[in-house]
Amino acid sequence: MKTKRLEKAAELLLISDERIKDVAFDCGFNDLANFTKSFRDKYTPGEFRSR
């Protein structure tokens, strides 16, 4: 479940101009720090940028 939410967040970050905080909350994360840590664990900055 968490993986799906992170994938959706990654997609939204790539295609929208929404703030990271808004994307995190839209994808079901209630805490920005938790989202940030989870996102970094799944995607390295280089991997995400290469998309």
PDB file of N, CA and C in Angstrom:
ATOM      1  N   MET A   1       0.831  -1.193   0.000  1.00  0.00           N
ATOM      2  CA  MET A   1       0.000   0.000   0.000  1.00  0.00           C
ATOM      3  C   MET A   1       0.878   1.261   0.000  1.00  0.00           C
ATOM      4  N   LYS A   2       1.872   1.257   0.879  1.00  0.00           N
ATOM      5  CA  LYS A   2       2.753   2.416   0.972  1.00  0.00           C
ATOM      6  C   LYS A   2       3.504   2.629  -0.344  1.00  0.00           C
ATOM      7  N   THR A   3       3.898   1.544  -0.973  1.00  0.00           N
ATOM      8  CA  THR A   3       4.612   1.636  -2.247  1.00  0.00           C
ATOM      9  C   THR A   3       3.745   2.304  -3.306  1.00  0.00           C
ATOM     10  N   LYS A   4       2.486   1.934  -3.352  1.00  0.00           N
ATOM     11  CA  LYS A   4       1.561   2.536  -4.325  1.00  0.00           C
ATOM     12  C   LYS A   4       1.403   4.038  -4.075  1.00  0.00           C
ATOM     13  N   ARG A   5       1.313   4.418  -2.798  1.00  0.00           N
ATOM     14  CA  ARG A   5       1.187   5.843  -2.475  1.00  0.00           C
ATOM     15  C   ARG A   5       2.444   6.607  -2.871  1.00  0.00           C
ATOM     16  N   LEU A   6       3.610   5.995  -2.667  1.00  0.00           N
ATOM     17  CA  LEU A   6       4.867   6.640  -3.057  1.00  0.00           C
ATOM     18  C   LEU A   6       4.982   6.755  -4.575  1.00  0.00           C
ATOM     19  N   GLU A   7       4.549   5.738  -5.284  1.00  0.00           N
ATOM     20  CA  GLU A   7       4.577   5.791  -6.750  1.00  0.00           C
ATOM     21  C   GLU A   7       3.661   6.889  -7.272  1.00  0.00           C
ATOM     22  N   LYS A   8       2.491   7.019  -6.676  1.00  0.00           N
ATOM     23  CA  LYS A   8       1.559   8.077  -7.071  1.00  0.00           C
ATOM     24  C   LYS A   8       2.150   9.443  -6.763  1.00  0.00           C
ATOM     25  N   ALA A   9       2.785   9.584  -5.611  1.00  0.00           N
ATOM     26  CA  ALA A   9       3.417  10.846  -5.235  1.00  0.00           C
ATOM     27  C   ALA A   9       4.527  11.201  -6.216  1.00  0.00           C
ATOM     28  N   ALA A  10       5.340  10.227  -6.588  1.00  0.00           N
ATOM     29  CA  ALA A  10       6.423  10.472  -7.539  1.00  0.00           C
ATOM     30  C   ALA A  10       5.861  10.951  -8.872  1.00  0.00           C
ATOM     31  N   GLU A  11       4.790  10.313  -9.315  1.00  0.00           N
ATOM     32  CA  GLU A  11       4.150  10.707 -10.566  1.00  0.00           C
ATOM     33  C   GLU A  11       3.639  12.153 -10.482  1.00  0.00           C
ATOM     34  N   LEU A  12       2.966  12.474  -9.389  1.00  0.00           N
ATOM     35  CA  LEU A  12       2.437  13.828  -9.229  1.00  0.00           C
ATOM     36  C   LEU A  12       3.555  14.869  -9.151  1.00  0.00           C
ATOM     37  N   LEU A  13       4.647  14.535  -8.497  1.00  0.00           N
ATOM     38  CA  LEU A  13       5.764  15.469  -8.401  1.00  0.00           C
ATOM     39  C   LEU A  13       6.367  15.752  -9.768  1.00  0.00           C
ATOM     40  N   LEU A  14       6.330  14.769 -10.648  1.00  0.00           N
ATOM     41  CA  LEU A  14       6.888  14.950 -11.983  1.00  0.00           C
ATOM     42  C   LEU A  14       5.973  15.747 -12.905  1.00  0.00           C
ATOM     43  N   ILE A  15       4.670  15.591 -12.746  1.00  0.00           N
ATOM     44  CA  ILE A  15       3.749  16.198 -13.725  1.00  0.00           C
ATOM     45  C   ILE A  15       3.005  17.425 -13.231  1.00  0.00           C
ATOM     46  N   SER A  16       3.091  17.723 -11.941  1.00  0.00           N
ATOM     47  CA  SER A  16       2.315  18.853 -11.430  1.00  0.00           C
ATOM     48  C   SER A  16       3.225  19.905 -10.809  1.00  0.00           C
ATOM     49  N   ASP A  17       2.646  21.046 -10.539  1.00  0.00           N
ATOM     50  CA  ASP A  17       3.359  22.140  -9.881  1.00  0.00           C
ATOM     51  C   ASP A  17       2.970  22.249  -8.413  1.00  0.00           C
ATOM     52  N   GLU A  18       2.280  21.232  -7.900  1.00  0.00           N
ATOM     53  CA  GLU A  18       1.854  21.256  -6.496  1.00  0.00           C
ATOM     54  C   GLU A  18       3.061  21.212  -5.569  1.00  0.00           C
ATOM     55  N   ARG A  19       2.886  21.796  -4.387  1.00  0.00           N
ATOM     56  CA  ARG A  19       3.941  21.739  -3.380  1.00  0.00           C
ATOM     57  C   ARG A  19       4.077  20.304  -2.884  1.00  0.00           C
ATOM     58  N   ILE A  20       5.283  19.960  -2.454  1.00  0.00           N
ATOM     59  CA  ILE A  20       5.555  18.615  -1.971  1.00  0.00           C
ATOM     60  C   ILE A  20       4.611  18.257  -0.827  1.00  0.00           C
ATOM     61  N   LYS A  21       4.397  19.194   0.058  1.00  0.00           N
ATOM     62  CA  LYS A  21       3.500  18.960   1.194  1.00  0.00           C
ATOM     63  C   LYS A  21       2.100  18.585   0.715  1.00  0.00           C
ATOM     64  N   ASP A  22       1.600  19.291  -0.278  1.00  0.00           N
ATOM     65  CA  ASP A  22       0.260  19.008  -0.801  1.00  0.00           C
ATOM     66  C   ASP A  22       0.195  17.628  -1.465  1.00  0.00           C
ATOM     67  N   VAL A  23       1.239  17.288  -2.208  1.00  0.00           N
ATOM     68  CA  VAL A  23       1.289  15.974  -2.847  1.00  0.00           C
ATOM     69  C   VAL A  23       1.299  14.876  -1.788  1.00  0.00           C
ATOM     70  N   ALA A  24       2.101  15.067  -0.759  1.00  0.00           N
ATOM     71  CA  ALA A  24       2.176  14.069   0.314  1.00  0.00           C
ATOM     72  C   ALA A  24       0.814  13.856   0.952  1.00  0.00           C
ATOM     73  N   PHE A  25       0.126  14.925   1.292  1.00  0.00           N
ATOM     74  CA  PHE A  25      -1.186  14.809   1.919  1.00  0.00           C
ATOM     75  C   PHE A  25      -2.214  14.224   0.955  1.00  0.00           C
ATOM     76  N   ASP A  26      -2.143  14.602  -0.317  1.00  0.00           N
ATOM     77  CA  ASP A  26      -3.066  14.047  -1.310  1.00  0.00           C
ATOM     78  C   ASP A  26      -2.889  12.538  -1.476  1.00  0.00           C
ATOM     79  N   CYS A  27      -1.682  12.060  -1.225  1.00  0.00           N
ATOM     80  CA  CYS A  27      -1.390  10.624  -1.382  1.00  0.00           C
ATOM     81  C   CYS A  27      -1.546   9.842  -0.083  1.00  0.00           C
ATOM     82  N   GLY A  28      -2.093  10.475   0.938  1.00  0.00           N
ATOM     83  CA  GLY A  28      -2.426   9.755   2.155  1.00  0.00           C
ATOM     84  C   GLY A  28      -1.400   9.795   3.267  1.00  0.00           C
ATOM     85  N   PHE A  29      -0.371  10.609   3.119  1.00  0.00           N
ATOM     86  CA  PHE A  29       0.613  10.751   4.188  1.00  0.00           C
ATOM     87  C   PHE A  29       0.174  11.890   5.093  1.00  0.00           C
ATOM     88  N   ASN A  30       0.132  11.640   6.391  1.00  0.00           N
ATOM     89  CA  ASN A  30      -0.326  12.653   7.342  1.00  0.00           C
ATOM     90  C   ASN A  30       0.813  13.462   7.938  1.00  0.00           C
ATOM     91  N   ASP A  31       2.026  13.022   7.673  1.00  0.00           N
ATOM     92  CA  ASP A  31       3.191  13.663   8.262  1.00  0.00           C
ATOM     93  C   ASP A  31       4.241  13.863   7.169  1.00  0.00           C
ATOM     94  N   LEU A  32       4.643  15.108   6.942  1.00  0.00           N
ATOM     95  CA  LEU A  32       5.594  15.401   5.876  1.00  0.00           C
ATOM     96  C   LEU A  32       6.943  14.735   6.131  1.00  0.00           C
ATOM     97  N   ALA A  33       7.382  14.670   7.372  1.00  0.00           N
ATOM     98  CA  ALA A  33       8.668  14.038   7.694  1.00  0.00           C
ATOM     99  C   ALA A  33       8.629  12.543   7.351  1.00  0.00           C
ATOM    100  N   ASN A  34       7.534  11.890   7.650  1.00  0.00           N
ATOM    101  CA  ASN A  34       7.378  10.471   7.321  1.00  0.00           C
ATOM    102  C   ASN A  34       7.392  10.278   5.806  1.00  0.00           C
ATOM    103  N   PHE A  35       6.697  11.133   5.086  1.00  0.00           N
ATOM    104  CA  PHE A  35       6.689  11.056   3.628  1.00  0.00           C
ATOM    105  C   PHE A  35       8.096  11.226   3.076  1.00  0.00           C
ATOM    106  N   THR A  36       8.806  12.234   3.563  1.00  0.00           N
ATOM    107  CA  THR A  36      10.151  12.526   3.066  1.00  0.00           C
ATOM    108  C   THR A  36      11.088  11.343   3.283  1.00  0.00           C
ATOM    109  N   LYS A  37      11.053  10.766   4.472  1.00  0.00           N
ATOM    110  CA  LYS A  37      11.911   9.623   4.761  1.00  0.00           C
ATOM    111  C   LYS A  37      11.533   8.430   3.889  1.00  0.00           C
ATOM    112  N   SER A  38      10.262   8.155   3.770  1.00  0.00           N
ATOM    113  CA  SER A  38       9.806   7.026   2.952  1.00  0.00           C
ATOM    114  C   SER A  38      10.170   7.231   1.484  1.00  0.00           C
ATOM    115  N   PHE A  39      10.021   8.447   1.001  1.00  0.00           N
ATOM    116  CA  PHE A  39      10.323   8.752  -0.395  1.00  0.00           C
ATOM    117  C   PHE A  39      11.808   8.569  -0.664  1.00  0.00           C
ATOM    118  N   ARG A  40      12.636   9.061   0.244  1.00  0.00           N
ATOM    119  CA  ARG A  40      14.097   8.917   0.078  1.00  0.00           C
ATOM    120  C   ARG A  40      14.528   7.457   0.155  1.00  0.00           C
ATOM    121  N   ASP A  41      13.843   6.660   0.958  1.00  0.00           N
ATOM    122  CA  ASP A  41      14.171   5.239   1.055  1.00  0.00           C
ATOM    123  C   ASP A  41      13.860   4.511  -0.249  1.00  0.00           C
ATOM    124  N   LYS A  42      12.806   4.930  -0.932  1.00  0.00           N
ATOM    125  CA  LYS A  42      12.401   4.268  -2.179  1.00  0.00           C
ATOM    126  C   LYS A  42      13.137   4.824  -3.396  1.00  0.00           C
ATOM    127  N   TYR A  43      13.306   6.123  -3.458  1.00  0.00           N
ATOM    128  CA  TYR A  43      13.921   6.765  -4.617  1.00  0.00           C
ATOM    129  C   TYR A  43      15.173   7.532  -4.201  1.00  0.00           C
ATOM    130  N   THR A  44      16.288   7.211  -4.845  1.00  0.00           N
ATOM    131  CA  THR A  44      17.474   8.037  -4.622  1.00  0.00           C
ATOM    132  C   THR A  44      17.293   9.292  -5.472  1.00  0.00           C
ATOM    133  N   PRO A  45      17.877  10.416  -5.065  1.00  0.00           N
ATOM    134  CA  PRO A  45      17.709  11.647  -5.852  1.00  0.00           C
ATOM    135  C   PRO A  45      18.106  11.486  -7.324  1.00  0.00           C
ATOM    136  N   GLY A  46      19.199  10.801  -7.577  1.00  0.00           N
ATOM    137  CA  GLY A  46      19.627  10.600  -8.967  1.00  0.00           C
ATOM    138  C   GLY A  46      18.636   9.781  -9.764  1.00  0.00           C
ATOM    139  N   GLU A  47      18.097   8.755  -9.146  1.00  0.00           N
ATOM    140  CA  GLU A  47      17.114   7.905  -9.819  1.00  0.00           C
ATOM    141  C   GLU A  47      15.857   8.704 -10.136  1.00  0.00           C
ATOM    142  N   PHE A  48      15.412   9.500  -9.181  1.00  0.00           N
ATOM    143  CA  PHE A  48      14.184  10.264  -9.385  1.00  0.00           C
ATOM    144  C   PHE A  48      14.384  11.329 -10.454  1.00  0.00           C
ATOM    145  N   ARG A  49      15.511  12.006 -10.431  1.00  0.00           N
ATOM    146  CA  ARG A  49      15.781  13.053 -11.410  1.00  0.00           C
ATOM    147  C   ARG A  49      15.892  12.507 -12.819  1.00  0.00           C
ATOM    148  N   SER A  50      16.379  11.278 -12.946  1.00  0.00           N
ATOM    149  CA  SER A  50      16.556  10.695 -14.282  1.00  0.00           C
ATOM    150  C   SER A  50      15.217  10.400 -14.962  1.00  0.00           C
ATOM    151  N   ARG A  51      14.157  10.397 -14.179  1.00  0.00           N
ATOM    152  CA  ARG A  51      12.825  10.173 -14.747  1.00  0.00           C
ATOM    153  C   ARG A  51      12.432  11.411 -15.487  1.00  0.00           C
TER     154      ARG A  51
END
